[in-house]
Amino acid sequence: SLRLSCTASGFTADYYIIGWFRQAPGKEREGISC
């Protein structure tokens, strides 16, 4: 297991949608969660 963190600055997080994307070697970046 791992836990990734995404810390935002410069805006108020309450008004923003966040997505996680993954890019494997040789592949396109894909959206895995939001």
All heavy atoms as atom14 arrays in JSON, in Angstrom:
{
  "sequence": "SLRLSCTASGFTADYYIIGWFRQAPGKEREGISC",
  "atom14_mask": [
    [1, 1, 1, 1, 1, 1, 0, 0, 0, 0, 0, 0, 0, 0],
    [1, 1, 1, 1, 1, 1, 1, 1, 0, 0, 0, 0, 0, 0],
    [1, 1, 1, 1, 1, 1, 1, 1, 1, 1, 1, 0, 0, 0],
    [1, 1, 1, 1, 1, 1, 1, 1, 0, 0, 0, 0, 0, 0],
    [1, 1, 1, 1, 1, 1, 0, 0, 0, 0, 0, 0, 0, 0],
    [1, 1, 1, 1, 1, 1, 0, 0, 0, 0, 0, 0, 0, 0],
    [1, 1, 1, 1, 1, 1, 1, 0, 0, 0, 0, 0, 0, 0],
    [1, 1, 1, 1, 1, 0, 0, 0, 0, 0, 0, 0, 0, 0],
    [1, 1, 1, 1, 1, 1, 0, 0, 0, 0, 0, 0, 0, 0],
    [1, 1, 1, 1, 0, 0, 0, 0, 0, 0, 0, 0, 0, 0],
    [1, 1, 1, 1, 1, 1, 1, 1, 1, 1, 1, 0, 0, 0],
    [1, 1, 1, 1, 1, 1, 1, 0, 0, 0, 0, 0, 0, 0],
    [1, 1, 1, 1, 1, 0, 0, 0, 0, 0, 0, 0, 0, 0],
    [1, 1, 1, 1, 1, 1, 1, 1, 0, 0, 0, 0, 0, 0],
    [1, 1, 1, 1, 1, 1, 1, 1, 1, 1, 1, 1, 0, 0],
    [1, 1, 1, 1, 1, 1, 1, 1, 1, 1, 1, 1, 0, 0],
    [1, 1, 1, 1, 1, 1, 1, 1, 0, 0, 0, 0, 0, 0],
    [1, 1, 1, 1, 1, 1, 1, 1, 0, 0, 0, 0, 0, 0],
    [1, 1, 1, 1, 0, 0, 0, 0, 0, 0, 0, 0, 0, 0],
    [1, 1, 1, 1, 1, 1, 1, 1, 1, 1, 1, 1, 1, 1],
    [1, 1, 1, 1, 1, 1, 1, 1, 1, 1, 1, 0, 0, 0],
    [1, 1, 1, 1, 1, 1, 1, 1, 1, 1, 1, 0, 0, 0],
    [1, 1, 1, 1, 1, 1, 1, 1, 1, 0, 0, 0, 0, 0],
    [1, 1, 1, 1, 1, 0, 0, 0, 0, 0, 0, 0, 0, 0],
    [1, 1, 1, 1, 1, 1, 1, 0, 0, 0, 0, 0, 0, 0],
    [1, 1, 1, 1, 0, 0, 0, 0, 0, 0, 0, 0, 0, 0],
    [1, 1, 1, 1, 1, 1, 1, 1, 1, 0, 0, 0, 0, 0],
    [1, 1, 1, 1, 1, 1, 1, 1, 1, 0, 0, 0, 0, 0],
    [1, 1, 1, 1, 1, 1, 1, 1, 1, 1, 1, 0, 0, 0],
    [1, 1, 1, 1, 1, 1, 1, 1, 1, 0, 0, 0, 0, 0],
    [1, 1, 1, 1, 0, 0, 0, 0, 0, 0, 0, 0, 0, 0],
    [1, 1, 1, 1, 1, 1, 1, 1, 0, 0, 0, 0, 0, 0],
    [1, 1, 1, 1, 1, 1, 0, 0, 0, 0, 0, 0, 0, 0],
    [1, 1, 1, 1, 1, 1, 0, 0, 0, 0, 0, 0, 0, 0]
  ],
  "atom14_positions": [
    [[0.83, -1.2, 0.0], [0.0, 0.0, 0.0], [0.87, 1.25, 0.0], [2.0, 1.24, 0.5], [-0.9, 0.03, 1.24], [-1.78, -1.05, 1.27], [0.0, 0.0, 0.0], [0.0, 0.0, 0.0], [0.0, 0.0, 0.0], [0.0, 0.0, 0.0], [0.0, 0.0, 0.0], [0.0, 0.0, 0.0], [0.0, 0.0, 0.0], [0.0, 0.0, 0.0]],
    [[0.29, 2.3, -0.55], [0.88, 3.63, -0.49], [-0.26, 4.63, -0.35], [-1.37, 4.37, -0.82], [1.67, 3.96, -1.76], [3.05, 3.35, -1.96], [3.57, 3.71, -3.35], [4.03, 3.8, -0.89], [0.0, 0.0, 0.0], [0.0, 0.0, 0.0], [0.0, 0.0, 0.0], [0.0, 0.0, 0.0], [0.0, 0.0, 0.0], [0.0, 0.0, 0.0]],
    [[0.05, 5.78, 0.25], [-0.92, 6.87, 0.27], [-0.27, 8.1, -0.37], [0.74, 8.6, 0.13], [-1.39, 7.2, 1.68], [-2.54, 8.22, 1.66], [-3.1, 8.52, 3.04], [-2.27, 9.46, 3.77], [-2.72, 10.22, 4.77], [-3.99, 10.14, 5.14], [-1.91, 11.03, 5.4], [0.0, 0.0, 0.0], [0.0, 0.0, 0.0], [0.0, 0.0, 0.0]],
    [[-0.87, 8.55, -1.44], [-0.42, 9.75, -2.1], [-1.16, 10.96, -1.56], [-2.33, 10.87, -1.2], [-0.63, 9.67, -3.61], [-0.02, 8.47, -4.33], [-0.26, 8.59, -5.83], [1.44, 8.32, -4.03], [0.0, 0.0, 0.0], [0.0, 0.0, 0.0], [0.0, 0.0, 0.0], [0.0, 0.0, 0.0], [0.0, 0.0, 0.0], [0.0, 0.0, 0.0]],
    [[-0.46, 12.09, -1.51], [-1.07, 13.34, -1.1], [-0.91, 14.37, -2.21], [0.1, 14.39, -2.91], [-0.41, 13.87, 0.18], [-0.57, 12.98, 1.25], [0.0, 0.0, 0.0], [0.0, 0.0, 0.0], [0.0, 0.0, 0.0], [0.0, 0.0, 0.0], [0.0, 0.0, 0.0], [0.0, 0.0, 0.0], [0.0, 0.0, 0.0], [0.0, 0.0, 0.0]],
    [[-1.9, 15.22, -2.33], [-1.86, 16.33, -3.28], [-2.22, 17.58, -2.49], [-3.38, 17.73, -2.06], [-2.85, 16.1, -4.41], [-3.07, 17.51, -5.52], [0.0, 0.0, 0.0], [0.0, 0.0, 0.0], [0.0, 0.0, 0.0], [0.0, 0.0, 0.0], [0.0, 0.0, 0.0], [0.0, 0.0, 0.0], [0.0, 0.0, 0.0], [0.0, 0.0, 0.0]],
    [[-1.24, 18.43, -2.28], [-1.46, 19.64, -1.49], [-1.52, 20.84, -2.42], [-0.63, 21.05, -3.26], [-0.34, 19.83, -0.47], [-0.32, 18.68, 0.4], [-0.59, 21.07, 0.37], [0.0, 0.0, 0.0], [0.0, 0.0, 0.0], [0.0, 0.0, 0.0], [0.0, 0.0, 0.0], [0.0, 0.0, 0.0], [0.0, 0.0, 0.0], [0.0, 0.0, 0.0]],
    [[-2.59, 21.61, -2.25], [-2.83, 22.75, -3.13], [-2.52, 24.06, -2.42], [-2.72, 24.18, -1.21], [-4.29, 22.74, -3.58], [0.0, 0.0, 0.0], [0.0, 0.0, 0.0], [0.0, 0.0, 0.0], [0.0, 0.0, 0.0], [0.0, 0.0, 0.0], [0.0, 0.0, 0.0], [0.0, 0.0, 0.0], [0.0, 0.0, 0.0], [0.0, 0.0, 0.0]],
    [[-2.07, 25.01, -3.18], [-1.88, 26.36, -2.67], [-2.27, 27.35, -3.75], [-2.29, 27.02, -4.94], [-0.42, 26.57, -2.23], [0.45, 26.41, -3.33], [0.0, 0.0, 0.0], [0.0, 0.0, 0.0], [0.0, 0.0, 0.0], [0.0, 0.0, 0.0], [0.0, 0.0, 0.0], [0.0, 0.0, 0.0], [0.0, 0.0, 0.0], [0.0, 0.0, 0.0]],
    [[-2.6, 28.55, -3.31], [-2.96, 29.59, -4.27], [-4.44, 29.63, -4.59], [-4.87, 30.49, -5.37], [0.0, 0.0, 0.0], [0.0, 0.0, 0.0], [0.0, 0.0, 0.0], [0.0, 0.0, 0.0], [0.0, 0.0, 0.0], [0.0, 0.0, 0.0], [0.0, 0.0, 0.0], [0.0, 0.0, 0.0], [0.0, 0.0, 0.0], [0.0, 0.0, 0.0]],
    [[-5.21, 28.72, -4.05], [-6.66, 28.76, -4.24], [-7.33, 28.03, -3.08], [-6.7, 27.27, -2.36], [-7.09, 28.16, -5.58], [-6.78, 26.69, -5.74], [-7.66, 25.72, -5.31], [-5.59, 26.3, -6.36], [-7.38, 24.38, -5.48], [-5.31, 24.95, -6.54], [-6.2, 23.99, -6.09], [0.0, 0.0, 0.0], [0.0, 0.0, 0.0], [0.0, 0.0, 0.0]],
    [[-8.61, 28.28, -2.94], [-9.38, 27.64, -1.87], [-9.93, 26.31, -2.38], [-10.72, 26.27, -3.32], [-10.55, 28.53, -1.43], [-10.03, 29.79, -1.02], [-11.29, 27.89, -0.27], [0.0, 0.0, 0.0], [0.0, 0.0, 0.0], [0.0, 0.0, 0.0], [0.0, 0.0, 0.0], [0.0, 0.0, 0.0], [0.0, 0.0, 0.0], [0.0, 0.0, 0.0]],
    [[-9.5, 25.24, -1.74], [-9.82, 23.9, -2.24], [-11.32, 23.63, -2.29], [-11.78, 22.83, -3.11], [-9.14, 22.85, -1.37], [0.0, 0.0, 0.0], [0.0, 0.0, 0.0], [0.0, 0.0, 0.0], [0.0, 0.0, 0.0], [0.0, 0.0, 0.0], [0.0, 0.0, 0.0], [0.0, 0.0, 0.0], [0.0, 0.0, 0.0], [0.0, 0.0, 0.0]],
    [[-12.09, 24.29, -1.44], [-13.54, 24.05, -1.39], [-14.21, 24.21, -2.75], [-15.27, 23.65, -2.99], [-14.2, 25.03, -0.44], [-13.6, 25.02, 0.95], [-12.37, 25.1, 1.04], [-14.37, 24.93, 1.92], [0.0, 0.0, 0.0], [0.0, 0.0, 0.0], [0.0, 0.0, 0.0], [0.0, 0.0, 0.0], [0.0, 0.0, 0.0], [0.0, 0.0, 0.0]],
    [[-13.65, 25.01, -3.63], [-14.3, 25.3, -4.91], [-13.68, 24.53, -6.07], [-14.01, 24.79, -7.22], [-14.22, 26.8, -5.2], [-15.05, 27.62, -4.25], [-14.49, 28.19, -3.12], [-16.41, 27.8, -4.47], [-15.25, 28.92, -2.23], [-17.19, 28.53, -3.59], [-16.6, 29.09, -2.46], [-17.36, 29.81, -1.59], [0.0, 0.0, 0.0], [0.0, 0.0, 0.0]],
    [[-12.83, 23.57, -5.78], [-12.12, 22.9, -6.85], [-12.33, 21.4, -6.83], [-12.33, 20.76, -5.78], [-10.63, 23.21, -6.78], [-10.32, 24.58, -7.33], [-10.56, 25.72, -6.58], [-9.83, 24.73, -8.63], [-10.31, 26.97, -7.1], [-9.56, 25.98, -9.15], [-9.82, 27.1, -8.37], [-9.57, 28.32, -8.89], [0.0, 0.0, 0.0], [0.0, 0.0, 0.0]],
    [[-12.49, 20.86, -8.01], [-12.52, 19.42, -8.23], [-11.08, 18.96, -8.4], [-10.28, 19.62, -9.06], [-13.32, 19.09, -9.5], [-14.77, 19.55, -9.37], [-13.24, 17.61, -9.82], [-15.54, 19.53, -10.68], [0.0, 0.0, 0.0], [0.0, 0.0, 0.0], [0.0, 0.0, 0.0], [0.0, 0.0, 0.0], [0.0, 0.0, 0.0], [0.0, 0.0, 0.0]],
    [[-10.75, 17.81, -7.83], [-9.4, 17.26, -7.92], [-9.45, 15.88, -8.58], [-10.31, 15.06, -8.24], [-8.74, 17.13, -6.54], [-8.72, 18.47, -5.81], [-7.32, 16.56, -6.68], [-7.84, 19.52, -6.44], [0.0, 0.0, 0.0], [0.0, 0.0, 0.0], [0.0, 0.0, 0.0], [0.0, 0.0, 0.0], [0.0, 0.0, 0.0], [0.0, 0.0, 0.0]],
    [[-8.54, 15.67, -9.48], [-8.42, 14.36, -10.12], [-7.02, 13.79, -9.94], [-6.04, 14.53, -9.81], [0.0, 0.0, 0.0], [0.0, 0.0, 0.0], [0.0, 0.0, 0.0], [0.0, 0.0, 0.0], [0.0, 0.0, 0.0], [0.0, 0.0, 0.0], [0.0, 0.0, 0.0], [0.0, 0.0, 0.0], [0.0, 0.0, 0.0], [0.0, 0.0, 0.0]],
    [[-6.95, 12.47, -9.93], [-5.66, 11.77, -9.94], [-5.51, 11.07, -11.29], [-6.44, 10.38, -11.74], [-5.57, 10.74, -8.82], [-5.22, 11.31, -7.49], [-6.08, 11.56, -6.45], [-3.93, 11.66, -7.02], [-5.4, 12.08, -5.38], [-4.07, 12.14, -5.69], [-2.64, 11.64, -7.58], [-2.99, 12.59, -4.94], [-1.57, 12.07, -6.83], [-1.75, 12.55, -5.53]],
    [[-4.33, 11.22, -11.86], [-4.04, 10.63, -13.15], [-2.77, 9.79, -13.04], [-1.93, 10.03, -12.18], [-3.85, 11.72, -14.21], [-5.12, 12.47, -14.51], [-5.6, 13.43, -13.63], [-5.83, 12.22, -15.66], [-6.78, 14.12, -13.89], [-7.01, 12.89, -15.94], [-7.48, 13.84, -15.04], [0.0, 0.0, 0.0], [0.0, 0.0, 0.0], [0.0, 0.0, 0.0]],
    [[-2.67, 8.84, -13.94], [-1.5, 7.96, -13.93], [-0.98, 7.84, -15.37], [-1.74, 7.68, -16.31], [-1.89, 6.58, -13.41], [-0.81, 5.53, -13.49], [-1.26, 4.27, -12.78], [-2.3, 3.56, -13.5], [-3.07, 2.61, -12.94], [-2.9, 2.31, -11.67], [-3.98, 1.99, -13.64], [0.0, 0.0, 0.0], [0.0, 0.0, 0.0], [0.0, 0.0, 0.0]],
    [[0.35, 7.9, -15.47], [0.96, 7.69, -16.78], [2.02, 6.61, -16.66], [3.06, 6.81, -16.03], [1.59, 8.98, -17.32], [2.05, 8.85, -18.75], [2.25, 10.19, -19.41], [2.37, 11.23, -18.76], [2.26, 10.21, -20.74], [0.0, 0.0, 0.0], [0.0, 0.0, 0.0], [0.0, 0.0, 0.0], [0.0, 0.0, 0.0], [0.0, 0.0, 0.0]],
    [[1.74, 5.48, -17.27], [2.69, 4.37, -17.29], [3.65, 4.58, -18.45], [3.33, 5.28, -19.43], [1.94, 3.05, -17.45], [0.0, 0.0, 0.0], [0.0, 0.0, 0.0], [0.0, 0.0, 0.0], [0.0, 0.0, 0.0], [0.0, 0.0, 0.0], [0.0, 0.0, 0.0], [0.0, 0.0, 0.0], [0.0, 0.0, 0.0], [0.0, 0.0, 0.0]],
    [[4.84, 3.97, -18.38], [5.8, 4.13, -19.46], [5.23, 3.74, -20.82], [4.65, 2.66, -20.97], [6.94, 3.17, -19.05], [6.82, 3.08, -17.58], [5.36, 3.17, -17.28], [0.0, 0.0, 0.0], [0.0, 0.0, 0.0], [0.0, 0.0, 0.0], [0.0, 0.0, 0.0], [0.0, 0.0, 0.0], [0.0, 0.0, 0.0], [0.0, 0.0, 0.0]],
    [[5.34, 4.63, -21.78], [4.87, 4.35, -23.12], [3.37, 4.44, -23.31], [2.86, 4.1, -24.39], [0.0, 0.0, 0.0], [0.0, 0.0, 0.0], [0.0, 0.0, 0.0], [0.0, 0.0, 0.0], [0.0, 0.0, 0.0], [0.0, 0.0, 0.0], [0.0, 0.0, 0.0], [0.0, 0.0, 0.0], [0.0, 0.0, 0.0], [0.0, 0.0, 0.0]],
    [[2.66, 4.89, -22.28], [1.19, 4.96, -22.38], [0.71, 6.38, -22.15], [1.43, 7.23, -21.63], [0.55, 4.01, -21.37], [0.83, 2.54, -21.64], [0.0, 1.65, -20.75], [0.22, 0.19, -21.07], [-0.6, -0.71, -20.21], [0.0, 0.0, 0.0], [0.0, 0.0, 0.0], [0.0, 0.0, 0.0], [0.0, 0.0, 0.0], [0.0, 0.0, 0.0]],
    [[-0.53, 6.62, -22.53], [-1.11, 7.94, -22.31], [-1.51, 8.11, -20.84], [-1.74, 7.13, -20.14], [-2.35, 8.11, -23.2], [-2.03, 8.2, -24.68], [-3.22, 8.63, -25.5], [-4.31, 8.78, -24.93], [-3.06, 8.81, -26.72], [0.0, 0.0, 0.0], [0.0, 0.0, 0.0], [0.0, 0.0, 0.0], [0.0, 0.0, 0.0], [0.0, 0.0, 0.0]],
    [[-1.59, 9.36, -20.46], [-2.03, 9.66, -19.1], [-3.52, 9.37, -18.98], [-4.32, 9.83, -19.79], [-1.76, 11.14, -18.8], [-1.82, 11.51, -17.35], [-1.38, 12.95, -17.14], [-0.02, 13.17, -17.58], [0.64, 14.31, -17.38], [0.05, 15.33, -16.76], [1.88, 14.45, -17.82], [0.0, 0.0, 0.0], [0.0, 0.0, 0.0], [0.0, 0.0, 0.0]],
    [[-3.88, 8.59, -17.95], [-5.27, 8.2, -17.76], [-5.78, 8.69, -16.42], [-5.07, 8.72, -15.43], [-5.42, 6.68, -17.84], [-4.65, 5.92, -16.77], [-5.01, 4.44, -16.69], [-6.14, 4.08, -17.06], [-4.15, 3.66, -16.24], [0.0, 0.0, 0.0], [0.0, 0.0, 0.0], [0.0, 0.0, 0.0], [0.0, 0.0, 0.0], [0.0, 0.0, 0.0]],
    [[-7.06, 9.06, -16.41], [-7.69, 9.47, -15.17], [-8.1, 8.26, -14.37], [-8.85, 7.42, -14.87], [0.0, 0.0, 0.0], [0.0, 0.0, 0.0], [0.0, 0.0, 0.0], [0.0, 0.0, 0.0], [0.0, 0.0, 0.0], [0.0, 0.0, 0.0], [0.0, 0.0, 0.0], [0.0, 0.0, 0.0], [0.0, 0.0, 0.0], [0.0, 0.0, 0.0]],
    [[-7.63, 8.13, -13.15], [-7.95, 6.96, -12.35], [-8.93, 7.25, -11.22], [-9.61, 6.34, -10.75], [-6.68, 6.28, -11.8], [-5.86, 7.26, -10.97], [-5.84, 5.7, -12.93], [-4.71, 6.61, -10.23], [0.0, 0.0, 0.0], [0.0, 0.0, 0.0], [0.0, 0.0, 0.0], [0.0, 0.0, 0.0], [0.0, 0.0, 0.0], [0.0, 0.0, 0.0]],
    [[-9.01, 8.51, -10.8], [-9.96, 8.83, -9.74], [-10.17, 10.33, -9.7], [-9.34, 11.11, -10.16], [-9.43, 8.34, -8.38], [-10.41, 8.52, -7.38], [0.0, 0.0, 0.0], [0.0, 0.0, 0.0], [0.0, 0.0, 0.0], [0.0, 0.0, 0.0], [0.0, 0.0, 0.0], [0.0, 0.0, 0.0], [0.0, 0.0, 0.0], [0.0, 0.0, 0.0]],
    [[-11.3, 10.72, -9.13], [-11.57, 12.15, -8.94], [-12.49, 12.31, -7.74], [-13.15, 11.35, -7.31], [-12.2, 12.78, -10.18], [-13.83, 12.14, -10.59], [0.0, 0.0, 0.0], [0.0, 0.0, 0.0], [0.0, 0.0, 0.0], [0.0, 0.0, 0.0], [0.0, 0.0, 0.0], [0.0, 0.0, 0.0], [0.0, 0.0, 0.0], [0.0, 0.0, 0.0]]
  ]
}
